[in-house]
Amino acid sequence: SLRLSCAASGSIVTIYTMNWYHQAPGKQRELVANITIGGRA
């Protein structure tokens, strides 16, 4: 198991849907999960 984190910083007002992608060697970048402002995954 692993737990990945992604922290945003800067002059932020609103972060909309947040996404995790992965890109394997020799393959295109692919969406694996996302989550809305309200927490819908």
All heavy atoms as atom14 arrays in JSON, in Angstrom:
{
  "sequence": "SLRLSCAASGSIVTIYTMNWYHQAPGKQRELVANITIGGRA",
  "atom14_mask": [
    [1, 1, 1, 1, 1, 1, 0, 0, 0, 0, 0, 0, 0, 0],
    [1, 1, 1, 1, 1, 1, 1, 1, 0, 0, 0, 0, 0, 0],
    [1, 1, 1, 1, 1, 1, 1, 1, 1, 1, 1, 0, 0, 0],
    [1, 1, 1, 1, 1, 1, 1, 1, 0, 0, 0, 0, 0, 0],
    [1, 1, 1, 1, 1, 1, 0, 0, 0, 0, 0, 0, 0, 0],
    [1, 1, 1, 1, 1, 1, 0, 0, 0, 0, 0, 0, 0, 0],
    [1, 1, 1, 1, 1, 0, 0, 0, 0, 0, 0, 0, 0, 0],
    [1, 1, 1, 1, 1, 0, 0, 0, 0, 0, 0, 0, 0, 0],
    [1, 1, 1, 1, 1, 1, 0, 0, 0, 0, 0, 0, 0, 0],
    [1, 1, 1, 1, 0, 0, 0, 0, 0, 0, 0, 0, 0, 0],
    [1, 1, 1, 1, 1, 1, 0, 0, 0, 0, 0, 0, 0, 0],
    [1, 1, 1, 1, 1, 1, 1, 1, 0, 0, 0, 0, 0, 0],
    [1, 1, 1, 1, 1, 1, 1, 0, 0, 0, 0, 0, 0, 0],
    [1, 1, 1, 1, 1, 1, 1, 0, 0, 0, 0, 0, 0, 0],
    [1, 1, 1, 1, 1, 1, 1, 1, 0, 0, 0, 0, 0, 0],
    [1, 1, 1, 1, 1, 1, 1, 1, 1, 1, 1, 1, 0, 0],
    [1, 1, 1, 1, 1, 1, 1, 0, 0, 0, 0, 0, 0, 0],
    [1, 1, 1, 1, 1, 1, 1, 1, 0, 0, 0, 0, 0, 0],
    [1, 1, 1, 1, 1, 1, 1, 1, 0, 0, 0, 0, 0, 0],
    [1, 1, 1, 1, 1, 1, 1, 1, 1, 1, 1, 1, 1, 1],
    [1, 1, 1, 1, 1, 1, 1, 1, 1, 1, 1, 1, 0, 0],
    [1, 1, 1, 1, 1, 1, 1, 1, 1, 1, 0, 0, 0, 0],
    [1, 1, 1, 1, 1, 1, 1, 1, 1, 0, 0, 0, 0, 0],
    [1, 1, 1, 1, 1, 0, 0, 0, 0, 0, 0, 0, 0, 0],
    [1, 1, 1, 1, 1, 1, 1, 0, 0, 0, 0, 0, 0, 0],
    [1, 1, 1, 1, 0, 0, 0, 0, 0, 0, 0, 0, 0, 0],
    [1, 1, 1, 1, 1, 1, 1, 1, 1, 0, 0, 0, 0, 0],
    [1, 1, 1, 1, 1, 1, 1, 1, 1, 0, 0, 0, 0, 0],
    [1, 1, 1, 1, 1, 1, 1, 1, 1, 1, 1, 0, 0, 0],
    [1, 1, 1, 1, 1, 1, 1, 1, 1, 0, 0, 0, 0, 0],
    [1, 1, 1, 1, 1, 1, 1, 1, 0, 0, 0, 0, 0, 0],
    [1, 1, 1, 1, 1, 1, 1, 0, 0, 0, 0, 0, 0, 0],
    [1, 1, 1, 1, 1, 0, 0, 0, 0, 0, 0, 0, 0, 0],
    [1, 1, 1, 1, 1, 1, 1, 1, 0, 0, 0, 0, 0, 0],
    [1, 1, 1, 1, 1, 1, 1, 1, 0, 0, 0, 0, 0, 0],
    [1, 1, 1, 1, 1, 1, 1, 0, 0, 0, 0, 0, 0, 0],
    [1, 1, 1, 1, 1, 1, 1, 1, 0, 0, 0, 0, 0, 0],
    [1, 1, 1, 1, 0, 0, 0, 0, 0, 0, 0, 0, 0, 0],
    [1, 1, 1, 1, 0, 0, 0, 0, 0, 0, 0, 0, 0, 0],
    [1, 1, 1, 1, 1, 1, 1, 1, 1, 1, 1, 0, 0, 0],
    [1, 1, 1, 1, 1, 0, 0, 0, 0, 0, 0, 0, 0, 0]
  ],
  "atom14_positions": [
    [[0.83, -1.2, 0.0], [0.0, 0.0, 0.0], [0.86, 1.25, 0.0], [1.99, 1.25, 0.51], [-0.91, 0.04, 1.23], [-1.82, -1.05, 1.23], [0.0, 0.0, 0.0], [0.0, 0.0, 0.0], [0.0, 0.0, 0.0], [0.0, 0.0, 0.0], [0.0, 0.0, 0.0], [0.0, 0.0, 0.0], [0.0, 0.0, 0.0], [0.0, 0.0, 0.0]],
    [[0.31, 2.31, -0.56], [0.92, 3.63, -0.53], [-0.18, 4.67, -0.35], [-1.33, 4.45, -0.74], [1.68, 3.94, -1.82], [2.99, 3.22, -2.08], [3.45, 3.49, -3.51], [4.06, 3.68, -1.1], [0.0, 0.0, 0.0], [0.0, 0.0, 0.0], [0.0, 0.0, 0.0], [0.0, 0.0, 0.0], [0.0, 0.0, 0.0], [0.0, 0.0, 0.0]],
    [[0.2, 5.8, 0.23], [-0.7, 6.93, 0.32], [-0.03, 8.14, -0.33], [0.98, 8.63, 0.18], [-1.06, 7.26, 1.77], [-2.14, 8.34, 1.92], [-2.5, 8.53, 3.38], [-3.66, 9.38, 3.56], [-3.64, 10.57, 4.19], [-2.52, 11.04, 4.68], [-4.77, 11.26, 4.32], [0.0, 0.0, 0.0], [0.0, 0.0, 0.0], [0.0, 0.0, 0.0]],
    [[-0.59, 8.57, -1.44], [-0.07, 9.72, -2.16], [-0.77, 10.99, -1.7], [-1.95, 10.97, -1.37], [-0.26, 9.56, -3.66], [0.21, 8.24, -4.29], [0.0, 8.29, -5.8], [1.65, 7.95, -3.94], [0.0, 0.0, 0.0], [0.0, 0.0, 0.0], [0.0, 0.0, 0.0], [0.0, 0.0, 0.0], [0.0, 0.0, 0.0], [0.0, 0.0, 0.0]],
    [[-0.04, 12.09, -1.7], [-0.58, 13.38, -1.35], [-0.26, 14.38, -2.44], [0.77, 14.27, -3.11], [0.0, 13.89, -0.02], [-0.3, 13.01, 1.05], [0.0, 0.0, 0.0], [0.0, 0.0, 0.0], [0.0, 0.0, 0.0], [0.0, 0.0, 0.0], [0.0, 0.0, 0.0], [0.0, 0.0, 0.0], [0.0, 0.0, 0.0], [0.0, 0.0, 0.0]],
    [[-1.12, 15.36, -2.6], [-0.88, 16.47, -3.51], [-1.37, 17.74, -2.85], [-2.58, 17.88, -2.62], [-1.59, 16.25, -4.85], [-1.5, 17.65, -5.98], [0.0, 0.0, 0.0], [0.0, 0.0, 0.0], [0.0, 0.0, 0.0], [0.0, 0.0, 0.0], [0.0, 0.0, 0.0], [0.0, 0.0, 0.0], [0.0, 0.0, 0.0], [0.0, 0.0, 0.0]],
    [[-0.46, 18.63, -2.54], [-0.78, 19.87, -1.86], [-0.68, 21.05, -2.82], [0.33, 21.19, -3.52], [0.15, 20.08, -0.67], [0.0, 0.0, 0.0], [0.0, 0.0, 0.0], [0.0, 0.0, 0.0], [0.0, 0.0, 0.0], [0.0, 0.0, 0.0], [0.0, 0.0, 0.0], [0.0, 0.0, 0.0], [0.0, 0.0, 0.0], [0.0, 0.0, 0.0]],
    [[-1.71, 21.87, -2.85], [-1.72, 23.07, -3.68], [-1.44, 24.3, -2.82], [-1.87, 24.39, -1.67], [-3.08, 23.22, -4.37], [0.0, 0.0, 0.0], [0.0, 0.0, 0.0], [0.0, 0.0, 0.0], [0.0, 0.0, 0.0], [0.0, 0.0, 0.0], [0.0, 0.0, 0.0], [0.0, 0.0, 0.0], [0.0, 0.0, 0.0], [0.0, 0.0, 0.0]],
    [[-0.71, 25.24, -3.39], [-0.42, 26.49, -2.7], [-0.43, 27.63, -3.7], [-0.26, 27.43, -4.9], [0.93, 26.42, -1.97], [1.99, 26.19, -2.89], [0.0, 0.0, 0.0], [0.0, 0.0, 0.0], [0.0, 0.0, 0.0], [0.0, 0.0, 0.0], [0.0, 0.0, 0.0], [0.0, 0.0, 0.0], [0.0, 0.0, 0.0], [0.0, 0.0, 0.0]],
    [[-0.62, 28.84, -3.19], [-0.67, 30.02, -4.03], [-1.9, 30.85, -3.76], [-2.56, 30.7, -2.73], [0.0, 0.0, 0.0], [0.0, 0.0, 0.0], [0.0, 0.0, 0.0], [0.0, 0.0, 0.0], [0.0, 0.0, 0.0], [0.0, 0.0, 0.0], [0.0, 0.0, 0.0], [0.0, 0.0, 0.0], [0.0, 0.0, 0.0], [0.0, 0.0, 0.0]],
    [[-2.21, 31.74, -4.69], [-3.34, 32.66, -4.52], [-4.64, 31.98, -4.95], [-5.27, 32.35, -5.94], [-3.1, 33.95, -5.3], [-2.84, 33.67, -6.68], [0.0, 0.0, 0.0], [0.0, 0.0, 0.0], [0.0, 0.0, 0.0], [0.0, 0.0, 0.0], [0.0, 0.0, 0.0], [0.0, 0.0, 0.0], [0.0, 0.0, 0.0], [0.0, 0.0, 0.0]],
    [[-5.06, 31.02, -4.17], [-6.19, 30.15, -4.51], [-7.48, 30.7, -3.93], [-7.55, 31.04, -2.75], [-5.94, 28.72, -3.98], [-4.73, 28.11, -4.66], [-7.18, 27.86, -4.19], [-4.22, 26.85, -3.99], [0.0, 0.0, 0.0], [0.0, 0.0, 0.0], [0.0, 0.0, 0.0], [0.0, 0.0, 0.0], [0.0, 0.0, 0.0], [0.0, 0.0, 0.0]],
    [[-8.49, 30.75, -4.77], [-9.84, 31.07, -4.32], [-10.68, 29.81, -4.22], [-11.29, 29.52, -3.18], [-10.52, 32.09, -5.24], [-11.98, 32.3, -4.83], [-9.77, 33.41, -5.22], [0.0, 0.0, 0.0], [0.0, 0.0, 0.0], [0.0, 0.0, 0.0], [0.0, 0.0, 0.0], [0.0, 0.0, 0.0], [0.0, 0.0, 0.0], [0.0, 0.0, 0.0]],
    [[-10.71, 29.02, -5.29], [-11.52, 27.82, -5.33], [-10.79, 26.73, -6.1], [-10.3, 26.98, -7.2], [-12.89, 28.07, -6.0], [-13.56, 29.15, -5.35], [-13.76, 26.83, -5.94], [0.0, 0.0, 0.0], [0.0, 0.0, 0.0], [0.0, 0.0, 0.0], [0.0, 0.0, 0.0], [0.0, 0.0, 0.0], [0.0, 0.0, 0.0], [0.0, 0.0, 0.0]],
    [[-10.73, 25.54, -5.53], [-10.26, 24.37, -6.23], [-11.47, 23.52, -6.58], [-12.18, 23.06, -5.68], [-9.27, 23.55, -5.4], [-8.08, 24.41, -4.97], [-8.79, 22.33, -6.18], [-7.09, 23.7, -4.08], [0.0, 0.0, 0.0], [0.0, 0.0, 0.0], [0.0, 0.0, 0.0], [0.0, 0.0, 0.0], [0.0, 0.0, 0.0], [0.0, 0.0, 0.0]],
    [[-11.7, 23.33, -7.85], [-12.83, 22.54, -8.31], [-12.46, 21.05, -8.24], [-11.67, 20.66, -7.38], [-13.26, 23.01, -9.69], [-13.7, 24.46, -9.67], [-12.81, 25.49, -9.97], [-14.99, 24.81, -9.3], [-13.19, 26.83, -9.92], [-15.38, 26.14, -9.23], [-14.48, 27.14, -9.54], [-14.88, 28.46, -9.47], [0.0, 0.0, 0.0], [0.0, 0.0, 0.0]],
    [[-13.03, 20.24, -9.09], [-12.73, 18.81, -9.04], [-11.23, 18.57, -9.12], [-10.53, 19.14, -9.95], [-13.44, 18.07, -10.18], [-14.85, 18.18, -10.0], [-13.05, 16.6, -10.22], [0.0, 0.0, 0.0], [0.0, 0.0, 0.0], [0.0, 0.0, 0.0], [0.0, 0.0, 0.0], [0.0, 0.0, 0.0], [0.0, 0.0, 0.0], [0.0, 0.0, 0.0]],
    [[-10.72, 17.72, -8.22], [-9.32, 17.36, -8.19], [-9.17, 15.95, -8.75], [-10.01, 15.08, -8.51], [-8.77, 17.43, -6.77], [-8.94, 18.8, -6.14], [-8.17, 18.98, -4.51], [-6.44, 19.19, -4.97], [0.0, 0.0, 0.0], [0.0, 0.0, 0.0], [0.0, 0.0, 0.0], [0.0, 0.0, 0.0], [0.0, 0.0, 0.0], [0.0, 0.0, 0.0]],
    [[-8.11, 15.75, -9.5], [-7.92, 14.52, -10.26], [-6.57, 13.89, -9.96], [-5.58, 14.59, -9.74], [-7.98, 14.79, -11.77], [-9.2, 15.59, -12.18], [-10.3, 15.03, -12.31], [-9.03, 16.88, -12.39], [0.0, 0.0, 0.0], [0.0, 0.0, 0.0], [0.0, 0.0, 0.0], [0.0, 0.0, 0.0], [0.0, 0.0, 0.0], [0.0, 0.0, 0.0]],
    [[-6.54, 12.56, -9.99], [-5.3, 11.81, -10.03], [-5.22, 11.08, -11.37], [-6.18, 10.41, -11.77], [-5.2, 10.78, -8.91], [-4.82, 11.34, -7.59], [-5.64, 11.62, -6.55], [-3.5, 11.68, -7.15], [-4.92, 12.12, -5.49], [-3.6, 12.16, -5.83], [-2.24, 11.62, -7.76], [-2.5, 12.59, -5.1], [-1.14, 12.05, -7.03], [-1.27, 12.52, -5.72]],
    [[-4.1, 11.24, -12.03], [-3.79, 10.52, -13.25], [-2.56, 9.65, -13.02], [-1.78, 9.9, -12.11], [-3.46, 11.49, -14.4], [-4.63, 12.27, -14.96], [-5.15, 13.36, -14.29], [-5.17, 11.93, -16.2], [-6.19, 14.1, -14.83], [-6.22, 12.66, -16.74], [-6.72, 13.75, -16.05], [-7.76, 14.47, -16.58], [0.0, 0.0, 0.0], [0.0, 0.0, 0.0]],
    [[-2.39, 8.65, -13.86], [-1.11, 7.99, -13.91], [-0.67, 7.79, -15.36], [-1.48, 7.8, -16.28], [-1.08, 6.67, -13.11], [-1.92, 5.55, -13.66], [-2.12, 4.4, -12.91], [-2.58, 5.35, -14.82], [-2.88, 3.56, -13.61], [-3.17, 4.13, -14.77], [0.0, 0.0, 0.0], [0.0, 0.0, 0.0], [0.0, 0.0, 0.0], [0.0, 0.0, 0.0]],
    [[0.62, 7.64, -15.52], [1.2, 7.43, -16.84], [2.27, 6.36, -16.72], [3.32, 6.59, -16.12], [1.78, 8.71, -17.41], [2.26, 8.58, -18.85], [2.54, 9.92, -19.5], [2.75, 10.92, -18.82], [2.54, 9.95, -20.82], [0.0, 0.0, 0.0], [0.0, 0.0, 0.0], [0.0, 0.0, 0.0], [0.0, 0.0, 0.0], [0.0, 0.0, 0.0]],
    [[1.97, 5.19, -17.27], [2.91, 4.08, -17.27], [3.9, 4.23, -18.42], [3.63, 4.93, -19.4], [2.16, 2.76, -17.38], [0.0, 0.0, 0.0], [0.0, 0.0, 0.0], [0.0, 0.0, 0.0], [0.0, 0.0, 0.0], [0.0, 0.0, 0.0], [0.0, 0.0, 0.0], [0.0, 0.0, 0.0], [0.0, 0.0, 0.0], [0.0, 0.0, 0.0]],
    [[5.05, 3.57, -18.32], [6.03, 3.66, -19.4], [5.42, 3.25, -20.74], [4.78, 2.2, -20.85], [7.12, 2.68, -18.97], [7.01, 2.64, -17.49], [5.55, 2.76, -17.19], [0.0, 0.0, 0.0], [0.0, 0.0, 0.0], [0.0, 0.0, 0.0], [0.0, 0.0, 0.0], [0.0, 0.0, 0.0], [0.0, 0.0, 0.0], [0.0, 0.0, 0.0]],
    [[5.6, 4.08, -21.75], [5.11, 3.79, -23.07], [3.62, 3.95, -23.28], [3.12, 3.6, -24.35], [0.0, 0.0, 0.0], [0.0, 0.0, 0.0], [0.0, 0.0, 0.0], [0.0, 0.0, 0.0], [0.0, 0.0, 0.0], [0.0, 0.0, 0.0], [0.0, 0.0, 0.0], [0.0, 0.0, 0.0], [0.0, 0.0, 0.0], [0.0, 0.0, 0.0]],
    [[2.9, 4.46, -22.29], [1.46, 4.62, -22.4], [1.06, 6.08, -22.19], [1.83, 6.89, -21.67], [0.73, 3.74, -21.39], [0.95, 2.25, -21.58], [-0.11, 1.44, -20.86], [-1.47, 1.65, -21.49], [-2.52, 0.82, -20.85], [0.0, 0.0, 0.0], [0.0, 0.0, 0.0], [0.0, 0.0, 0.0], [0.0, 0.0, 0.0], [0.0, 0.0, 0.0]],
    [[-0.17, 6.38, -22.59], [-0.68, 7.73, -22.41], [-1.09, 7.96, -20.96], [-1.35, 7.02, -20.2], [-1.87, 7.98, -23.34], [-3.09, 7.14, -23.04], [-4.22, 7.36, -24.03], [-4.02, 7.96, -25.09], [-5.41, 6.9, -23.69], [0.0, 0.0, 0.0], [0.0, 0.0, 0.0], [0.0, 0.0, 0.0], [0.0, 0.0, 0.0], [0.0, 0.0, 0.0]],
    [[-1.17, 9.22, -20.59], [-1.64, 9.57, -19.27], [-3.13, 9.25, -19.16], [-3.92, 9.55, -20.06], [-1.38, 11.05, -19.01], [-1.55, 11.47, -17.57], [-1.02, 12.89, -17.34], [0.41, 12.98, -17.59], [1.13, 14.07, -17.36], [0.57, 15.16, -16.85], [2.43, 14.08, -17.64], [0.0, 0.0, 0.0], [0.0, 0.0, 0.0], [0.0, 0.0, 0.0]],
    [[-3.54, 8.66, -18.04], [-4.88, 8.16, -17.87], [-5.46, 8.59, -16.53], [-4.78, 8.51, -15.5], [-4.88, 6.63, -17.96], [-6.24, 5.98, -17.88], [-6.16, 4.47, -18.04], [-5.12, 3.89, -17.66], [-7.14, 3.88, -18.53], [0.0, 0.0, 0.0], [0.0, 0.0, 0.0], [0.0, 0.0, 0.0], [0.0, 0.0, 0.0], [0.0, 0.0, 0.0]],
    [[-6.7, 9.02, -16.53], [-7.39, 9.39, -15.3], [-7.71, 8.14, -14.49], [-8.28, 7.18, -15.02], [-8.68, 10.15, -15.63], [-9.52, 10.62, -14.45], [-8.81, 11.71, -13.66], [-10.88, 11.12, -14.93], [0.0, 0.0, 0.0], [0.0, 0.0, 0.0], [0.0, 0.0, 0.0], [0.0, 0.0, 0.0], [0.0, 0.0, 0.0], [0.0, 0.0, 0.0]],
    [[-7.37, 8.14, -13.22], [-7.66, 7.01, -12.36], [-8.71, 7.32, -11.3], [-9.43, 6.42, -10.87], [-6.39, 6.44, -11.69], [-5.43, 5.91, -12.76], [-5.7, 7.48, -10.82], [0.0, 0.0, 0.0], [0.0, 0.0, 0.0], [0.0, 0.0, 0.0], [0.0, 0.0, 0.0], [0.0, 0.0, 0.0], [0.0, 0.0, 0.0], [0.0, 0.0, 0.0]],
    [[-8.81, 8.57, -10.86], [-9.79, 8.93, -9.84], [-9.96, 10.44, -9.81], [-9.03, 11.18, -10.15], [-9.37, 8.44, -8.46], [0.0, 0.0, 0.0], [0.0, 0.0, 0.0], [0.0, 0.0, 0.0], [0.0, 0.0, 0.0], [0.0, 0.0, 0.0], [0.0, 0.0, 0.0], [0.0, 0.0, 0.0], [0.0, 0.0, 0.0], [0.0, 0.0, 0.0]],
    [[-11.14, 10.89, -9.42], [-11.31, 12.31, -9.14], [-12.33, 12.49, -8.03], [-13.02, 11.56, -7.64], [-11.67, 13.12, -10.4], [-12.97, 12.71, -11.06], [-13.87, 12.15, -10.44], [-13.07, 13.0, -12.36], [0.0, 0.0, 0.0], [0.0, 0.0, 0.0], [0.0, 0.0, 0.0], [0.0, 0.0, 0.0], [0.0, 0.0, 0.0], [0.0, 0.0, 0.0]],
    [[-12.4, 13.72, -7.53], [-13.27, 14.03, -6.41], [-13.74, 15.47, -6.52], [-12.95, 16.38, -6.79], [-12.55, 13.75, -5.07], [-13.5, 13.96, -3.88], [-11.29, 14.6, -4.93], [-12.93, 13.39, -2.58], [0.0, 0.0, 0.0], [0.0, 0.0, 0.0], [0.0, 0.0, 0.0], [0.0, 0.0, 0.0], [0.0, 0.0, 0.0], [0.0, 0.0, 0.0]],
    [[-15.03, 15.68, -6.34], [-15.62, 17.0, -6.47], [-15.39, 17.83, -5.21], [-14.91, 17.34, -4.19], [-17.12, 16.91, -6.75], [-17.78, 16.38, -5.59], [-17.41, 16.02, -7.95], [0.0, 0.0, 0.0], [0.0, 0.0, 0.0], [0.0, 0.0, 0.0], [0.0, 0.0, 0.0], [0.0, 0.0, 0.0], [0.0, 0.0, 0.0], [0.0, 0.0, 0.0]],
    [[-15.76, 19.11, -5.3], [-15.66, 19.99, -4.13], [-16.41, 19.4, -2.94], [-15.93, 19.46, -1.8], [-16.2, 21.39, -4.46], [-15.32, 22.1, -5.48], [-16.3, 22.24, -3.19], [-15.89, 23.42, -5.96], [0.0, 0.0, 0.0], [0.0, 0.0, 0.0], [0.0, 0.0, 0.0], [0.0, 0.0, 0.0], [0.0, 0.0, 0.0], [0.0, 0.0, 0.0]],
    [[-17.57, 18.81, -3.2], [-18.39, 18.25, -2.15], [-17.98, 16.87, -1.69], [-18.63, 16.3, -0.8], [0.0, 0.0, 0.0], [0.0, 0.0, 0.0], [0.0, 0.0, 0.0], [0.0, 0.0, 0.0], [0.0, 0.0, 0.0], [0.0, 0.0, 0.0], [0.0, 0.0, 0.0], [0.0, 0.0, 0.0], [0.0, 0.0, 0.0], [0.0, 0.0, 0.0]],
    [[-16.93, 16.3, -2.28], [-16.43, 15.01, -1.83], [-16.96, 13.81, -2.59], [-16.77, 12.67, -2.14], [0.0, 0.0, 0.0], [0.0, 0.0, 0.0], [0.0, 0.0, 0.0], [0.0, 0.0, 0.0], [0.0, 0.0, 0.0], [0.0, 0.0, 0.0], [0.0, 0.0, 0.0], [0.0, 0.0, 0.0], [0.0, 0.0, 0.0], [0.0, 0.0, 0.0]],
    [[-17.59, 14.03, -3.72], [-18.09, 12.92, -4.53], [-16.94, 12.34, -5.34], [-16.3, 13.05, -6.11], [-19.19, 13.41, -5.46], [-19.89, 12.32, -6.26], [-20.88, 11.59, -5.38], [-21.91, 10.91, -6.15], [-21.79, 9.69, -6.66], [-20.65, 9.02, -6.51], [-22.79, 9.15, -7.33], [0.0, 0.0, 0.0], [0.0, 0.0, 0.0], [0.0, 0.0, 0.0]],
    [[-16.68, 11.05, -5.18], [-15.53, 10.4, -5.79], [-15.94, 9.52, -6.97], [-17.02, 8.92, -6.97], [-14.79, 9.55, -4.76], [0.0, 0.0, 0.0], [0.0, 0.0, 0.0], [0.0, 0.0, 0.0], [0.0, 0.0, 0.0], [0.0, 0.0, 0.0], [0.0, 0.0, 0.0], [0.0, 0.0, 0.0], [0.0, 0.0, 0.0], [0.0, 0.0, 0.0]]
  ]
}
